[in-house]
Amino acid sequence: MTTHPVSATSELVQALILGGFLLWSVVFVLRKYASVWMYRQQAALASYAQSHGFSRLSRWLQPAQIAATGCGSGCNTCGSCAMNPAAAETKPVQWKTPSSSAGCH
């Protein structure tokens, strides 16, 4: 039994779309949880492209500078840093009491 060419093309397109979503998801997770490693890999790829004469691709791949990291930087992505006491200052709730003339009669 032979497969119809449209069916084979449809399966290929479906596989490419799912593969693209999978690749995007893996990159997203790695950028979130292994950001320093991803920064190094992206910088190495940009350097490789530059050395082989692909300057436009190299500029596009060049990662942005990493902001200050570590405890006290304010990123709080790891959840292990203590909160900034100045930012954590809260004010108590103040209840307004209705005036005696504004109530229901």
PDB file of N, CA and C in Angstrom:
ATOM      1  N   MET A   1       0.841  -1.174   0.000  1.00  0.00           N
ATOM      2  CA  MET A   1       0.000   0.000   0.000  1.00  0.00           C
ATOM      3  C   MET A   1       0.892   1.244   0.000  1.00  0.00           C
ATOM      4  N   THR A   2       0.617   2.179  -0.854  1.00  0.00           N
ATOM      5  CA  THR A   2       1.410   3.396  -0.942  1.00  0.00           C
ATOM      6  C   THR A   2       0.687   4.520  -0.229  1.00  0.00           C
ATOM      7  N   THR A   3       1.487   5.447   0.280  1.00  0.00           N
ATOM      8  CA  THR A   3       0.880   6.605   0.949  1.00  0.00           C
ATOM      9  C   THR A   3       0.667   7.714  -0.057  1.00  0.00           C
ATOM     10  N   HIS A   4      -0.332   8.456   0.184  1.00  0.00           N
ATOM     11  CA  HIS A   4      -0.653   9.593  -0.676  1.00  0.00           C
ATOM     12  C   HIS A   4       0.370  10.689  -0.430  1.00  0.00           C
ATOM     13  N   PRO A   5       0.887  11.381  -1.476  1.00  0.00           N
ATOM     14  CA  PRO A   5       1.930  12.402  -1.281  1.00  0.00           C
ATOM     15  C   PRO A   5       1.481  13.540  -0.376  1.00  0.00           C
ATOM     16  N   VAL A   6       0.219  13.886  -0.410  1.00  0.00           N
ATOM     17  CA  VAL A   6      -0.259  14.971   0.449  1.00  0.00           C
ATOM     18  C   VAL A   6      -0.191  14.547   1.908  1.00  0.00           C
ATOM     19  N   SER A   7      -0.490  13.289   2.190  1.00  0.00           N
ATOM     20  CA  SER A   7      -0.432  12.777   3.550  1.00  0.00           C
ATOM     21  C   SER A   7       0.994  12.808   4.083  1.00  0.00           C
ATOM     22  N   ALA A   8       1.955  12.414   3.269  1.00  0.00           N
ATOM     23  CA  ALA A   8       3.353  12.429   3.693  1.00  0.00           C
ATOM     24  C   ALA A   8       3.828  13.857   3.935  1.00  0.00           C
ATOM     25  N   THR A   9       3.426  14.775   3.091  1.00  0.00           N
ATOM     26  CA  THR A   9       3.794  16.179   3.266  1.00  0.00           C
ATOM     27  C   THR A   9       3.154  16.739   4.525  1.00  0.00           C
ATOM     28  N   SER A  10       1.915  16.372   4.759  1.00  0.00           N
ATOM     29  CA  SER A  10       1.212  16.831   5.953  1.00  0.00           C
ATOM     30  C   SER A  10       1.901  16.331   7.217  1.00  0.00           C
ATOM     31  N   GLU A  11       2.333  15.084   7.218  1.00  0.00           N
ATOM     32  CA  GLU A  11       3.025  14.539   8.380  1.00  0.00           C
ATOM     33  C   GLU A  11       4.373  15.218   8.585  1.00  0.00           C
ATOM     34  N   LEU A  12       5.051  15.549   7.501  1.00  0.00           N
ATOM     35  CA  LEU A  12       6.330  16.241   7.606  1.00  0.00           C
ATOM     36  C   LEU A  12       6.141  17.642   8.190  1.00  0.00           C
ATOM     37  N   VAL A  13       5.148  18.350   7.717  1.00  0.00           N
ATOM     38  CA  VAL A  13       4.874  19.698   8.227  1.00  0.00           C
ATOM     39  C   VAL A  13       4.507  19.629   9.701  1.00  0.00           C
ATOM     40  N   GLN A  14       3.694  18.643  10.064  1.00  0.00           N
ATOM     41  CA  GLN A  14       3.311  18.475  11.460  1.00  0.00           C
ATOM     42  C   GLN A  14       4.535  18.186  12.323  1.00  0.00           C
ATOM     43  N   ALA A  15       5.427  17.339  11.859  1.00  0.00           N
ATOM     44  CA  ALA A  15       6.643  17.013  12.611  1.00  0.00           C
ATOM     45  C   ALA A  15       7.547  18.242  12.744  1.00  0.00           C
ATOM     46  N   LEU A  16       7.646  19.048  11.701  1.00  0.00           N
ATOM     47  CA  LEU A  16       8.470  20.260  11.770  1.00  0.00           C
ATOM     48  C   LEU A  16       7.893  21.271  12.753  1.00  0.00           C
ATOM     49  N   ILE A  17       6.583  21.422  12.745  1.00  0.00           N
ATOM     50  CA  ILE A  17       5.945  22.363  13.675  1.00  0.00           C
ATOM     51  C   ILE A  17       6.137  21.899  15.114  1.00  0.00           C
ATOM     52  N   LEU A  18       5.895  20.621  15.379  1.00  0.00           N
ATOM     53  CA  LEU A  18       6.086  20.103  16.735  1.00  0.00           C
ATOM     54  C   LEU A  18       7.545  20.169  17.165  1.00  0.00           C
ATOM     55  N   GLY A  19       8.457  19.900  16.245  1.00  0.00           N
ATOM     56  CA  GLY A  19       9.879  20.018  16.553  1.00  0.00           C
ATOM     57  C   GLY A  19      10.265  21.455  16.882  1.00  0.00           C
ATOM     58  N   GLY A  20       9.691  22.408  16.152  1.00  0.00           N
ATOM     59  CA  GLY A  20       9.946  23.824  16.442  1.00  0.00           C
ATOM     60  C   GLY A  20       9.453  24.223  17.825  1.00  0.00           C
ATOM     61  N   PHE A  21       8.252  23.761  18.181  1.00  0.00           N
ATOM     62  CA  PHE A  21       7.717  24.050  19.518  1.00  0.00           C
ATOM     63  C   PHE A  21       8.571  23.408  20.605  1.00  0.00           C
ATOM     64  N   LEU A  22       9.033  22.191  20.365  1.00  0.00           N
ATOM     65  CA  LEU A  22       9.878  21.507  21.339  1.00  0.00           C
ATOM     66  C   LEU A  22      11.199  22.249  21.516  1.00  0.00           C
ATOM     67  N   LEU A  23      11.820  22.653  20.416  1.00  0.00           N
ATOM     68  CA  LEU A  23      13.079  23.393  20.490  1.00  0.00           C
ATOM     69  C   LEU A  23      12.887  24.715  21.223  1.00  0.00           C
ATOM     70  N   TRP A  24      11.810  25.431  20.912  1.00  0.00           N
ATOM     71  CA  TRP A  24      11.529  26.706  21.578  1.00  0.00           C
ATOM     72  C   TRP A  24      11.339  26.485  23.074  1.00  0.00           C
ATOM     73  N   SER A  25      10.631  25.422  23.454  1.00  0.00           N
ATOM     74  CA  SER A  25      10.384  25.138  24.868  1.00  0.00           C
ATOM     75  C   SER A  25      11.682  24.819  25.603  1.00  0.00           C
ATOM     76  N   VAL A  26      12.556  24.032  24.987  1.00  0.00           N
ATOM     77  CA  VAL A  26      13.829  23.686  25.620  1.00  0.00           C
ATOM     78  C   VAL A  26      14.687  24.938  25.797  1.00  0.00           C
ATOM     79  N   VAL A  27      14.745  25.788  24.790  1.00  0.00           N
ATOM     80  CA  VAL A  27      15.529  27.028  24.892  1.00  0.00           C
ATOM     81  C   VAL A  27      14.948  27.924  25.979  1.00  0.00           C
ATOM     82  N   PHE A  28      13.631  28.018  26.061  1.00  0.00           N
ATOM     83  CA  PHE A  28      12.987  28.849  27.085  1.00  0.00           C
ATOM     84  C   PHE A  28      13.344  28.356  28.482  1.00  0.00           C
ATOM     85  N   VAL A  29      13.269  27.046  28.706  1.00  0.00           N
ATOM     86  CA  VAL A  29      13.583  26.485  30.021  1.00  0.00           C
ATOM     87  C   VAL A  29      15.058  26.677  30.348  1.00  0.00           C
ATOM     88  N   LEU A  30      15.934  26.457  29.368  1.00  0.00           N
ATOM     89  CA  LEU A  30      17.360  26.652  29.619  1.00  0.00           C
ATOM     90  C   LEU A  30      17.691  28.112  29.912  1.00  0.00           C
ATOM     91  N   ARG A  31      17.054  29.033  29.229  1.00  0.00           N
ATOM     92  CA  ARG A  31      17.314  30.455  29.500  1.00  0.00           C
ATOM     93  C   ARG A  31      16.825  30.841  30.884  1.00  0.00           C
ATOM     94  N   LYS A  32      15.775  30.191  31.350  1.00  0.00           N
ATOM     95  CA  LYS A  32      15.224  30.500  32.667  1.00  0.00           C
ATOM     96  C   LYS A  32      16.078  29.915  33.787  1.00  0.00           C
ATOM     97  N   TYR A  33      16.482  28.640  33.644  1.00  0.00           N
ATOM     98  CA  TYR A  33      17.135  27.952  34.746  1.00  0.00           C
ATOM     99  C   TYR A  33      18.637  27.745  34.567  1.00  0.00           C
ATOM    100  N   ALA A  34      19.178  27.953  33.399  1.00  0.00           N
ATOM    101  CA  ALA A  34      20.618  27.835  33.159  1.00  0.00           C
ATOM    102  C   ALA A  34      21.065  29.037  32.337  1.00  0.00           C
ATOM    103  N   SER A  35      20.756  30.216  32.827  1.00  0.00           N
ATOM    104  CA  SER A  35      20.973  31.433  32.044  1.00  0.00           C
ATOM    105  C   SER A  35      22.454  31.713  31.785  1.00  0.00           C
ATOM    106  N   VAL A  36      23.319  31.453  32.751  1.00  0.00           N
ATOM    107  CA  VAL A  36      24.741  31.722  32.549  1.00  0.00           C
ATOM    108  C   VAL A  36      25.297  30.773  31.492  1.00  0.00           C
ATOM    109  N   TRP A  37      24.925  29.500  31.559  1.00  0.00           N
ATOM    110  CA  TRP A  37      25.375  28.524  30.571  1.00  0.00           C
ATOM    111  C   TRP A  37      24.868  28.895  29.181  1.00  0.00           C
ATOM    112  N   MET A  38      23.599  29.286  29.085  1.00  0.00           N
ATOM    113  CA  MET A  38      23.037  29.684  27.788  1.00  0.00           C
ATOM    114  C   MET A  38      23.731  30.937  27.249  1.00  0.00           C
ATOM    115  N   TYR A  39      24.065  31.867  28.127  1.00  0.00           N
ATOM    116  CA  TYR A  39      24.781  33.074  27.709  1.00  0.00           C
ATOM    117  C   TYR A  39      26.124  32.699  27.093  1.00  0.00           C
ATOM    118  N   ARG A  40      26.840  31.782  27.751  1.00  0.00           N
ATOM    119  CA  ARG A  40      28.154  31.357  27.237  1.00  0.00           C
ATOM    120  C   ARG A  40      28.013  30.642  25.895  1.00  0.00           C
ATOM    121  N   GLN A  41      27.017  29.778  25.768  1.00  0.00           N
ATOM    122  CA  GLN A  41      26.817  29.046  24.522  1.00  0.00           C
ATOM    123  C   GLN A  41      26.446  29.995  23.382  1.00  0.00           C
ATOM    124  N   GLN A  42      25.592  30.962  23.674  1.00  0.00           N
ATOM    125  CA  GLN A  42      25.176  31.921  22.651  1.00  0.00           C
ATOM    126  C   GLN A  42      26.346  32.811  22.243  1.00  0.00           C
ATOM    127  N   ALA A  43      27.173  33.209  23.201  1.00  0.00           N
ATOM    128  CA  ALA A  43      28.347  34.022  22.881  1.00  0.00           C
ATOM    129  C   ALA A  43      29.349  33.224  22.046  1.00  0.00           C
ATOM    130  N   ALA A  44      29.511  31.944  22.362  1.00  0.00           N
ATOM    131  CA  ALA A  44      30.426  31.094  21.586  1.00  0.00           C
ATOM    132  C   ALA A  44      29.911  30.912  20.162  1.00  0.00           C
ATOM    133  N   LEU A  45      28.615  30.743  20.015  1.00  0.00           N
ATOM    134  CA  LEU A  45      28.026  30.598  18.682  1.00  0.00           C
ATOM    135  C   LEU A  45      28.183  31.889  17.878  1.00  0.00           C
ATOM    136  N   ALA A  46      28.006  33.034  18.531  1.00  0.00           N
ATOM    137  CA  ALA A  46      28.186  34.320  17.852  1.00  0.00           C
ATOM    138  C   ALA A  46      29.645  34.511  17.444  1.00  0.00           C
ATOM    139  N   SER A  47      30.567  34.108  18.295  1.00  0.00           N
ATOM    140  CA  SER A  47      31.993  34.213  17.974  1.00  0.00           C
ATOM    141  C   SER A  47      32.353  33.302  16.801  1.00  0.00           C
ATOM    142  N   TYR A  48      31.788  32.100  16.786  1.00  0.00           N
ATOM    143  CA  TYR A  48      32.020  31.163  15.684  1.00  0.00           C
ATOM    144  C   TYR A  48      31.497  31.743  14.364  1.00  0.00           C
ATOM    145  N   ALA A  49      30.316  32.341  14.409  1.00  0.00           N
ATOM    146  CA  ALA A  49      29.749  32.937  13.200  1.00  0.00           C
ATOM    147  C   ALA A  49      30.606  34.105  12.719  1.00  0.00           C
ATOM    148  N   GLN A  50      31.117  34.902  13.654  1.00  0.00           N
ATOM    149  CA  GLN A  50      31.961  36.044  13.293  1.00  0.00           C
ATOM    150  C   GLN A  50      33.261  35.575  12.652  1.00  0.00           C
ATOM    151  N   SER A  51      33.848  34.511  13.192  1.00  0.00           N
ATOM    152  CA  SER A  51      35.119  34.030  12.660  1.00  0.00           C
ATOM    153  C   SER A  51      34.980  33.396  11.270  1.00  0.00           C
ATOM    154  N   HIS A  52      33.781  32.988  10.914  1.00  0.00           N
ATOM    155  CA  HIS A  52      33.550  32.396   9.603  1.00  0.00           C
ATOM    156  C   HIS A  52      32.916  33.387   8.609  1.00  0.00           C
ATOM    157  N   GLY A  53      32.916  34.672   8.975  1.00  0.00           N
ATOM    158  CA  GLY A  53      32.486  35.696   8.036  1.00  0.00           C
ATOM    159  C   GLY A  53      31.004  36.003   8.017  1.00  0.00           C
ATOM    160  N   PHE A  54      30.250  35.522   8.979  1.00  0.00           N
ATOM    161  CA  PHE A  54      28.815  35.812   9.054  1.00  0.00           C
ATOM    162  C   PHE A  54      28.577  36.902  10.092  1.00  0.00           C
ATOM    163  N   SER A  55      28.975  38.132   9.751  1.00  0.00           N
ATOM    164  CA  SER A  55      28.927  39.210  10.737  1.00  0.00           C
ATOM    165  C   SER A  55      27.492  39.604  11.104  1.00  0.00           C
ATOM    166  N   ARG A  56      26.579  39.597  10.156  1.00  0.00           N
ATOM    167  CA  ARG A  56      25.191  39.960  10.465  1.00  0.00           C
ATOM    168  C   ARG A  56      24.574  38.929  11.408  1.00  0.00           C
ATOM    169  N   LEU A  57      24.806  37.655  11.131  1.00  0.00           N
ATOM    170  CA  LEU A  57      24.308  36.585  12.008  1.00  0.00           C
ATOM    171  C   LEU A  57      24.968  36.679  13.371  1.00  0.00           C
ATOM    172  N   SER A  58      26.239  37.017  13.400  1.00  0.00           N
ATOM    173  CA  SER A  58      26.968  37.152  14.657  1.00  0.00           C
ATOM    174  C   SER A  58      26.374  38.258  15.520  1.00  0.00           C
ATOM    175  N   ARG A  59      26.081  39.415  14.903  1.00  0.00           N
ATOM    176  CA  ARG A  59      25.465  40.514  15.661  1.00  0.00           C
ATOM    177  C   ARG A  59      24.091  40.120  16.186  1.00  0.00           C
ATOM    178  N   TRP A  60      23.339  39.366  15.405  1.00  0.00           N
ATOM    179  CA  TRP A  60      21.997  38.943  15.821  1.00  0.00           C
ATOM    180  C   TRP A  60      22.077  37.942  16.967  1.00  0.00           C
ATOM    181  N   LEU A  61      23.094  37.064  16.931  1.00  0.00           N
ATOM    182  CA  LEU A  61      23.241  36.040  17.966  1.00  0.00           C
ATOM    183  C   LEU A  61      23.895  36.558  19.236  1.00  0.00           C
ATOM    184  N   GLN A  62      24.609  37.674  19.149  1.00  0.00           N
ATOM    185  CA  GLN A  62      25.332  38.185  20.306  1.00  0.00           C
ATOM    186  C   GLN A  62      24.364  38.438  21.457  1.00  0.00           C
ATOM    187  N   PRO A  63      24.589  37.780  22.615  1.00  0.00           N
ATOM    188  CA  PRO A  63      23.661  37.949  23.735  1.00  0.00           C
ATOM    189  C   PRO A  63      23.823  39.311  24.390  1.00  0.00           C
ATOM    190  N   ALA A  64      22.758  39.762  25.017  1.00  0.00           N
ATOM    191  CA  ALA A  64      22.801  41.016  25.765  1.00  0.00           C
ATOM    192  C   ALA A  64      23.642  40.801  27.014  1.00  0.00           C
ATOM    193  N   GLN A  65      24.156  41.864  27.554  1.00  0.00           N
ATOM    194  CA  GLN A  65      24.962  41.763  28.762  1.00  0.00           C
ATOM    195  C   GLN A  65      24.096  41.252  29.907  1.00  0.00           C
ATOM    196  N   ILE A  66      24.676  40.389  30.725  1.00  0.00           N
ATOM    197  CA  ILE A  66      23.965  39.875  31.890  1.00  0.00           C
ATOM    198  C   ILE A  66      23.964  40.956  32.952  1.00  0.00           C
ATOM    199  N   ALA A  67      22.802  41.213  33.500  1.00  0.00           N
ATOM    200  CA  ALA A  67      22.697  42.191  34.576  1.00  0.00           C
ATOM    201  C   ALA A  67      23.364  41.617  35.828  1.00  0.00           C
ATOM    202  N   ALA A  68      23.568  42.468  36.789  1.00  0.00           N
ATOM    203  CA  ALA A  68      24.183  42.024  38.029  1.00  0.00           C
ATOM    204  C   ALA A  68      23.357  40.895  38.626  1.00  0.00           C
ATOM    205  N   THR A  69      24.035  39.848  39.029  1.00  0.00           N
ATOM    206  CA  THR A  69      23.345  38.702  39.605  1.00  0.00           C
ATOM    207  C   THR A  69      23.844  38.459  41.013  1.00  0.00           C
ATOM    208  N   GLY A  70      23.220  37.561  41.698  1.00  0.00           N
ATOM    209  CA  GLY A  70      23.608  37.224  43.054  1.00  0.00           C
ATOM    210  C   GLY A  70      22.645  37.846  44.041  1.00  0.00           C
ATOM    211  N   CYS A  71      22.835  37.512  45.277  1.00  0.00           N
ATOM    212  CA  CYS A  71      21.954  38.030  46.318  1.00  0.00           C
ATOM    213  C   CYS A  71      22.105  39.546  46.413  1.00  0.00           C
ATOM    214  N   GLY A  72      21.012  40.221  46.525  1.00  0.00           N
ATOM    215  CA  GLY A  72      21.028  41.672  46.604  1.00  0.00           C
ATOM    216  C   GLY A  72      20.865  42.350  45.265  1.00  0.00           C
ATOM    217  N   SER A  73      20.815  41.593  44.163  1.00  0.00           N
ATOM    218  CA  SER A  73      20.669  42.219  42.858  1.00  0.00           C
ATOM    219  C   SER A  73      19.216  42.570  42.566  1.00  0.00           C
ATOM    220  N   GLY A  74      18.297  41.966  43.319  1.00  0.00           N
ATOM    221  CA  GLY A  74      16.889  42.268  43.136  1.00  0.00           C
ATOM    222  C   GLY A  74      16.175  41.382  42.141  1.00  0.00           C
ATOM    223  N   CYS A  75      16.872  40.398  41.556  1.00  0.00           N
ATOM    224  CA  CYS A  75      16.225  39.568  40.543  1.00  0.00           C
ATOM    225  C   CYS A  75      15.247  38.593  41.191  1.00  0.00           C
ATOM    226  N   ASN A  76      15.624  37.972  42.298  1.00  0.00           N
ATOM    227  CA  ASN A  76      14.802  37.037  43.059  1.00  0.00           C
ATOM    228  C   ASN A  76      14.246  35.912  42.192  1.00  0.00           C
ATOM    229  N   THR A  77      14.993  35.464  41.182  1.00  0.00           N
ATOM    230  CA  THR A  77      14.515  34.355  40.358  1.00  0.00           C
ATOM    231  C   THR A  77      14.731  33.019  41.040  1.00  0.00           C
ATOM    232  N   CYS A  78      15.736  32.921  41.897  1.00  0.00           N
ATOM    233  CA  CYS A  78      15.989  31.644  42.567  1.00  0.00           C
ATOM    234  C   CYS A  78      15.151  31.492  43.821  1.00  0.00           C
ATOM    235  N   GLY A  79      14.689  32.595  44.395  1.00  0.00           N
ATOM    236  CA  GLY A  79      13.861  32.535  45.587  1.00  0.00           C
ATOM    237  C   GLY A  79      14.654  32.319  46.864  1.00  0.00           C
ATOM    238  N   SER A  80      15.984  32.285  46.809  1.00  0.00           N
ATOM    239  CA  SER A  80      16.779  32.027  48.003  1.00  0.00           C
ATOM    240  C   SER A  80      17.315  33.298  48.644  1.00  0.00           C
ATOM    241  N   CYS A  81      17.201  34.421  47.959  1.00  0.00           N
ATOM    242  CA  CYS A  81      17.718  35.673  48.509  1.00  0.00           C
ATOM    243  C   CYS A  81      16.718  36.264  49.491  1.00  0.00           C
ATOM    244  N   ALA A  82      17.247  36.926  50.499  1.00  0.00           N
ATOM    245  CA  ALA A  82      16.380  37.624  51.439  1.00  0.00           C
ATOM    246  C   ALA A  82      15.773  38.827  50.748  1.00  0.00           C
ATOM    247  N   MET A  83      14.575  39.124  51.112  1.00  0.00           N
ATOM    248  CA  MET A  83      13.904  40.273  50.503  1.00  0.00           C
ATOM    249  C   MET A  83      14.564  41.556  50.986  1.00  0.00           C
ATOM    250  N   ASN A  84      14.505  42.574  50.165  1.00  0.00           N
ATOM    251  CA  ASN A  84      15.029  43.881  50.524  1.00  0.00           C
ATOM    252  C   ASN A  84      14.115  44.463  51.599  1.00  0.00           C
ATOM    253  N   PRO A  85      14.650  44.764  52.807  1.00  0.00           N
ATOM    254  CA  PRO A  85      13.772  45.239  53.876  1.00  0.00           C
ATOM    255  C   PRO A  85      13.081  46.550  53.541  1.00  0.00           C
ATOM    256  N   ALA A  86      13.734  47.413  52.784  1.00  0.00           N
ATOM    257  CA  ALA A  86      13.095  48.686  52.433  1.00  0.00           C
ATOM    258  C   ALA A  86      11.918  48.465  51.500  1.00  0.00           C
ATOM    259  N   ALA A  87      12.049  47.496  50.582  1.00  0.00           N
ATOM    260  CA  ALA A  87      10.968  47.212  49.646  1.00  0.00           C
ATOM    261  C   ALA A  87       9.848  46.419  50.299  1.00  0.00           C
ATOM    262  N   ALA A  88      10.172  45.674  51.356  1.00  0.00           N
ATOM    263  CA  ALA A  88       9.175  44.822  51.999  1.00  0.00           C
ATOM    264  C   ALA A  88       8.346  45.562  53.030  1.00  0.00           C
ATOM    265  N   GLU A  89       8.631  46.820  53.260  1.00  0.00           N
ATOM    266  CA  GLU A  89       7.889  47.589  54.254  1.00  0.00           C
ATOM    267  C   GLU A  89       6.444  47.742  53.807  1.00  0.00           C
ATOM    268  N   THR A  90       5.536  47.358  54.687  1.00  0.00           N
ATOM    269  CA  THR A  90       4.118  47.451  54.359  1.00  0.00           C
ATOM    270  C   THR A  90       3.431  48.369  55.346  1.00  0.00           C
ATOM    271  N   LYS A  91       2.326  48.887  54.933  1.00  0.00           N
ATOM    272  CA  LYS A  91       1.526  49.759  55.792  1.00  0.00           C
ATOM    273  C   LYS A  91       0.307  48.983  56.254  1.00  0.00           C
ATOM    274  N   PRO A  92      -0.112  49.200  57.474  1.00  0.00           N
ATOM    275  CA  PRO A  92      -1.287  48.487  57.953  1.00  0.00           C
ATOM    276  C   PRO A  92      -2.548  48.962  57.236  1.00  0.00           C
ATOM    277  N   VAL A  93      -3.520  48.092  57.210  1.00  0.00           N
ATOM    278  CA  VAL A  93      -4.803  48.420  56.590  1.00  0.00           C
ATOM    279  C   VAL A  93      -5.550  49.369  57.502  1.00  0.00           C
ATOM    280  N   GLN A  94      -6.083  50.425  56.949  1.00  0.00           N
ATOM    281  CA  GLN A  94      -6.867  51.382  57.736  1.00  0.00           C
ATOM    282  C   GLN A  94      -8.308  51.320  57.251  1.00  0.00           C
ATOM    283  N   TRP A  95      -9.181  50.946  58.153  1.00  0.00           N
ATOM    284  CA  TRP A  95     -10.595  50.827  57.821  1.00  0.00           C
ATOM    285  C   TRP A  95     -11.272  52.169  57.989  1.00  0.00           C
ATOM    286  N   LYS A  96     -12.100  52.504  57.033  1.00  0.00           N
ATOM    287  CA  LYS A  96     -12.868  53.744  57.144  1.00  0.00           C
ATOM    288  C   LYS A  96     -14.218  53.401  57.740  1.00  0.00           C
ATOM    289  N   THR A  97     -14.588  54.157  58.732  1.00  0.00           N
ATOM    290  CA  THR A  97     -15.896  53.929  59.329  1.00  0.00           C
ATOM    291  C   THR A  97     -16.903  54.850  58.649  1.00  0.00           C
ATOM    292  N   PRO A  98     -18.081  54.344  58.326  1.00  0.00           N
ATOM    293  CA  PRO A  98     -19.078  55.184  57.668  1.00  0.00           C
ATOM    294  C   PRO A  98     -19.623  56.206  58.664  1.00  0.00           C
ATOM    295  N   SER A  99     -19.922  57.363  58.154  1.00  0.00           N
ATOM    296  CA  SER A  99     -20.512  58.389  59.020  1.00  0.00           C
ATOM    297  C   SER A  99     -21.935  57.983  59.352  1.00  0.00           C
ATOM    298  N   SER A 100     -22.465  58.516  60.431  1.00  0.00           N
ATOM    299  CA  SER A 100     -23.791  58.103  60.892  1.00  0.00           C
ATOM    300  C   SER A 100     -24.888  58.565  59.923  1.00  0.00           C
ATOM    301  N   SER A 101     -24.653  59.622  59.166  1.00  0.00           N
ATOM    302  CA  SER A 101     -25.694  60.103  58.259  1.00  0.00           C
ATOM    303  C   SER A 101     -25.655  59.402  56.914  1.00  0.00           C
ATOM    304  N   ALA A 102     -24.561  58.677  56.596  1.00  0.00           N
ATOM    305  CA  ALA A 102     -24.435  58.032  55.297  1.00  0.00           C
ATOM    306  C   ALA A 102     -24.981  56.611  55.290  1.00  0.00           C
ATOM    307  N   GLY A 103     -25.391  56.090  56.426  1.00  0.00           N
ATOM    308  CA  GLY A 103     -25.863  54.710  56.497  1.00  0.00           C
ATOM    309  C   GLY A 103     -27.269  54.553  55.961  1.00  0.00           C
ATOM    310  N   CYS A 104     -27.721  53.323  55.918  1.00  0.00           N
ATOM    311  CA  CYS A 104     -29.081  53.031  55.450  1.00  0.00           C
ATOM    312  C   CYS A 104     -30.080  53.415  56.535  1.00  0.00           C
ATOM    313  N   HIS A 105     -31.243  53.854  56.150  1.00  0.00           N
ATOM    314  CA  HIS A 105     -32.265  54.270  57.126  1.00  0.00           C
ATOM    315  C   HIS A 105     -33.332  53.243  57.219  1.00  0.00           C
TER     316      HIS A 105
END
